[in-house]
Protein backbone atom coordinates (compact mmCIF):
# COMPACT_ATOMS: atom_id res chain seq x y z
CA UNK A 1 -9.92 -6.58 -20.12
CA UNK A 2 -12.93 -7.59 -18.04
CA UNK A 3 -10.95 -11.13 -17.23
CA UNK A 4 -7.85 -9.23 -16.32
CA UNK A 5 -10.07 -7.56 -13.76
CA UNK A 6 -11.46 -10.91 -12.59
CA UNK A 7 -8.47 -12.13 -12.13
CA UNK A 8 -6.90 -9.18 -10.19
CA UNK A 9 -9.81 -10.14 -7.15
CA UNK A 10 -8.64 -13.51 -7.38
CA UNK A 11 -6.25 -13.42 -4.46
CA UNK A 12 -8.62 -11.49 -2.02
CA UNK A 13 -11.68 -13.68 -3.00
CA UNK A 14 -9.36 -16.68 -2.13
CA UNK A 15 -8.65 -15.40 1.13
CA UNK A 16 -12.23 -14.58 1.95
CA UNK A 17 -13.28 -18.38 0.88
CA UNK A 18 -10.38 -20.36 2.12
CA UNK A 19 -9.43 -18.45 5.04
CA UNK A 20 -12.39 -16.59 6.18
CA UNK A 21 -10.12 -13.34 6.50
CA UNK A 22 -8.97 -10.35 4.23
CA UNK A 23 -5.65 -8.88 4.32
CA UNK A 24 -4.10 -5.84 2.94
CA UNK A 25 -2.22 -7.79 0.14
CA UNK A 26 -4.73 -7.28 -2.36
CA UNK A 27 -4.49 -3.48 -2.42
CA UNK A 28 -2.40 -3.11 -5.63
CA UNK A 29 -4.48 -5.55 -7.45
CA UNK A 30 -7.72 -3.20 -6.46
CA UNK A 31 -6.17 -0.15 -7.63
CA UNK A 32 -5.06 -2.01 -11.05
CA UNK A 33 -8.53 -3.45 -11.41
CA UNK A 34 -10.14 0.09 -10.84
CA UNK A 35 -7.67 1.59 -13.18
CA UNK A 36 -8.71 -0.61 -15.91
CA UNK A 37 -12.52 -0.40 -15.21
CA UNK A 38 -12.07 3.20 -15.21
CA UNK A 39 -10.23 3.24 -18.63
CA UNK A 40 -12.98 1.03 -19.98
CA UNK A 41 -15.35 3.69 -19.13
CA UNK A 42 -13.55 7.21 -19.67
CA UNK A 43 -11.01 6.23 -22.20
CA UNK A 44 -12.13 3.53 -24.50
CA UNK A 45 -15.97 4.40 -24.72
CA UNK A 46 -16.75 0.36 -24.13
CA UNK A 47 -20.00 0.87 -22.11
CA UNK A 48 -23.55 0.97 -23.54
CA UNK A 49 -24.70 3.71 -20.84
CA UNK A 50 -21.82 6.38 -21.75
CA UNK A 51 -20.97 5.12 -25.24
CA UNK A 52 -18.02 5.82 -27.33
CA UNK A 53 -16.88 9.05 -26.04
CA UNK A 54 -13.74 10.17 -23.97
CA UNK A 55 -14.72 11.39 -20.56
CA UNK A 56 -11.09 12.44 -19.10
CA UNK A 57 -8.11 13.16 -20.82
CA UNK A 58 -4.44 13.02 -19.53
CA UNK A 59 -2.75 16.61 -19.51
CA UNK A 60 1.03 17.07 -19.02
CA UNK A 61 3.81 15.50 -18.15
CA UNK A 62 5.17 13.88 -15.06
CA UNK A 63 6.90 16.97 -13.62
CA UNK A 64 8.61 17.49 -10.32
CA UNK A 65 7.40 14.43 -8.56
CA UNK A 66 3.67 15.20 -9.46
CA UNK A 67 1.71 12.60 -11.39
CA UNK A 68 0.03 13.11 -14.66
CA UNK A 69 -3.42 14.95 -13.77
CA UNK A 70 -6.72 14.39 -15.54
CA UNK A 71 -9.02 16.77 -16.61
CA UNK A 72 -12.58 16.23 -16.78
CA UNK A 73 -14.95 17.94 -19.13
CA UNK A 74 -18.27 16.92 -17.96
CA UNK A 75 -21.37 17.41 -15.61
CA UNK A 76 -21.60 16.35 -12.17
CA UNK A 77 -24.65 13.99 -13.39
CA UNK A 78 -22.15 12.42 -16.14
CA UNK A 79 -19.28 12.07 -13.23
CA UNK A 80 -21.92 10.10 -11.29
CA UNK A 81 -22.78 7.81 -14.39
CA UNK A 82 -19.09 7.26 -14.72
CA UNK A 83 -18.66 6.06 -11.39
CA UNK A 84 -21.71 3.94 -11.47
CA UNK A 85 -20.26 2.11 -14.59
CA UNK A 86 -17.06 1.64 -13.03
CA UNK A 87 -18.86 0.14 -9.88
CA UNK A 88 -21.11 -1.87 -12.21
CA UNK A 89 -17.87 -3.37 -13.81
CA UNK A 90 -15.96 -3.98 -10.65
CA UNK A 91 -19.08 -5.58 -8.92
CA UNK A 92 -19.73 -7.86 -12.05
CA UNK A 93 -16.07 -9.26 -12.36
CA UNK A 94 -15.68 -9.61 -8.36
CA UNK A 95 -19.01 -11.72 -8.46
CA UNK A 96 -17.88 -13.61 -11.57
CA UNK A 97 -14.16 -14.17 -9.93
CA UNK A 98 -15.79 -15.27 -6.76
CA UNK A 99 -18.12 -17.80 -8.69
CA UNK A 100 -15.16 -19.46 -10.58
CA UNK A 101 -13.47 -20.20 -7.40
CA UNK A 102 -16.41 -21.25 -5.25
CA UNK A 103 -17.34 -23.37 -8.62
CA UNK A 104 -13.61 -25.13 -8.39
CA UNK A 105 -13.23 -24.89 -4.61
CA UNK A 106 -11.86 -28.63 -4.26
CA UNK A 107 -9.49 -27.95 -7.50
CA UNK A 108 -8.15 -25.15 -5.67
CA UNK A 109 -7.72 -27.08 -2.63
CA UNK A 110 -6.10 -29.94 -4.53
CA UNK A 111 -3.53 -27.18 -6.06
CA UNK A 112 -3.03 -25.71 -2.44
CA UNK A 113 -2.34 -29.52 -1.09
CA UNK A 114 0.06 -30.31 -3.92
CA UNK A 115 1.97 -26.88 -3.48
CA UNK A 116 2.29 -27.55 0.32
CA UNK A 117 3.58 -30.90 -0.23
CA UNK A 118 6.24 -30.33 -3.23
CA UNK A 119 6.36 -26.26 -3.02
CA UNK A 120 5.89 -25.88 -6.81
CA UNK A 121 3.76 -27.75 -9.48
CA UNK A 122 4.11 -28.02 -13.02
CA UNK A 123 1.80 -27.83 -16.04
CA UNK A 124 1.16 -31.67 -15.97
CA UNK A 125 0.22 -31.48 -12.41
CA UNK A 126 -2.26 -28.60 -12.98
CA UNK A 127 -3.91 -30.36 -15.85
CA UNK A 128 -4.42 -33.57 -13.50
CA UNK A 129 -6.29 -31.38 -10.98
CA UNK A 130 -8.27 -29.48 -13.74
CA UNK A 131 -9.35 -33.01 -14.99
CA UNK A 132 -10.19 -34.19 -11.63
CA UNK A 133 -7.42 -36.73 -11.13
CA UNK A 134 -4.67 -36.62 -8.35
CA UNK A 135 -1.78 -34.82 -9.52
CA UNK A 136 1.39 -36.84 -10.36
CA UNK A 137 4.52 -36.64 -8.37
CA UNK A 138 6.86 -33.72 -9.78
CA UNK A 139 9.27 -34.86 -12.59
CA UNK A 140 12.95 -35.30 -11.07
CA UNK A 141 15.15 -33.13 -13.16
CA UNK A 142 18.07 -34.86 -15.39
CA UNK A 143 21.35 -34.67 -13.67
CA UNK A 144 23.46 -32.20 -15.68
CA UNK A 145 25.87 -33.52 -17.82
CA UNK A 146 29.33 -32.27 -17.12
CA UNK A 147 31.11 -32.30 -20.55
CA UNK A 148 34.42 -30.70 -19.30
CA UNK A 149 37.37 -33.07 -18.47
CA UNK A 150 38.22 -33.61 -14.83
CA UNK A 151 41.17 -31.50 -13.70
CA UNK A 152 43.85 -31.54 -11.27
CA UNK A 153 46.48 -34.17 -10.34
CA UNK A 154 44.34 -37.32 -10.58
CA UNK A 155 43.29 -36.25 -13.92
CA UNK A 156 47.10 -35.98 -14.84
CA UNK A 157 47.69 -39.37 -13.31
CA UNK A 158 45.16 -40.95 -15.55
CA UNK A 159 46.43 -39.52 -18.82
CA UNK A 160 49.27 -41.61 -18.79
CA UNK A 161 52.06 -39.10 -18.84
CA UNK A 162 54.32 -39.64 -16.23
CA UNK A 163 55.73 -35.77 -16.36
CA UNK A 164 52.14 -34.68 -16.05
CA UNK A 165 51.36 -36.54 -13.18
CA UNK A 166 54.42 -35.36 -11.16
């Protein structure tokens, strides 16, 4: 789950590193990353600070356009600890993703260059880049084999049957 959070931050961090800007394109990624971090803390009990305890429970069903609500049974101090743990997970994974992209900047730039040149790249090309080699040109797809016999008057003439050729 932590790796998923880090991956979700990749697009925004790439914008920051390579384009020196931030757009709204990552908003859904942030929502998803935050939801995963919140579940790690409040549903799965996967933090040392708060331990194996459920801190929020889903109640009710989606009804008349309303979303599922979460009821918390915790003190204000515990809510602050929950928020702190979520923030810690988010910050750690954001920094992890940034470090990975910065450490592999030349590889990311090589992939971007290959994509600009060829529009798509395959696993062989990605492996070339990861291994520090220039990517090989894309494979040329094989021409489809047409197994159906030709149709029409010319085909009838080739069959050798004069009645079919007329």
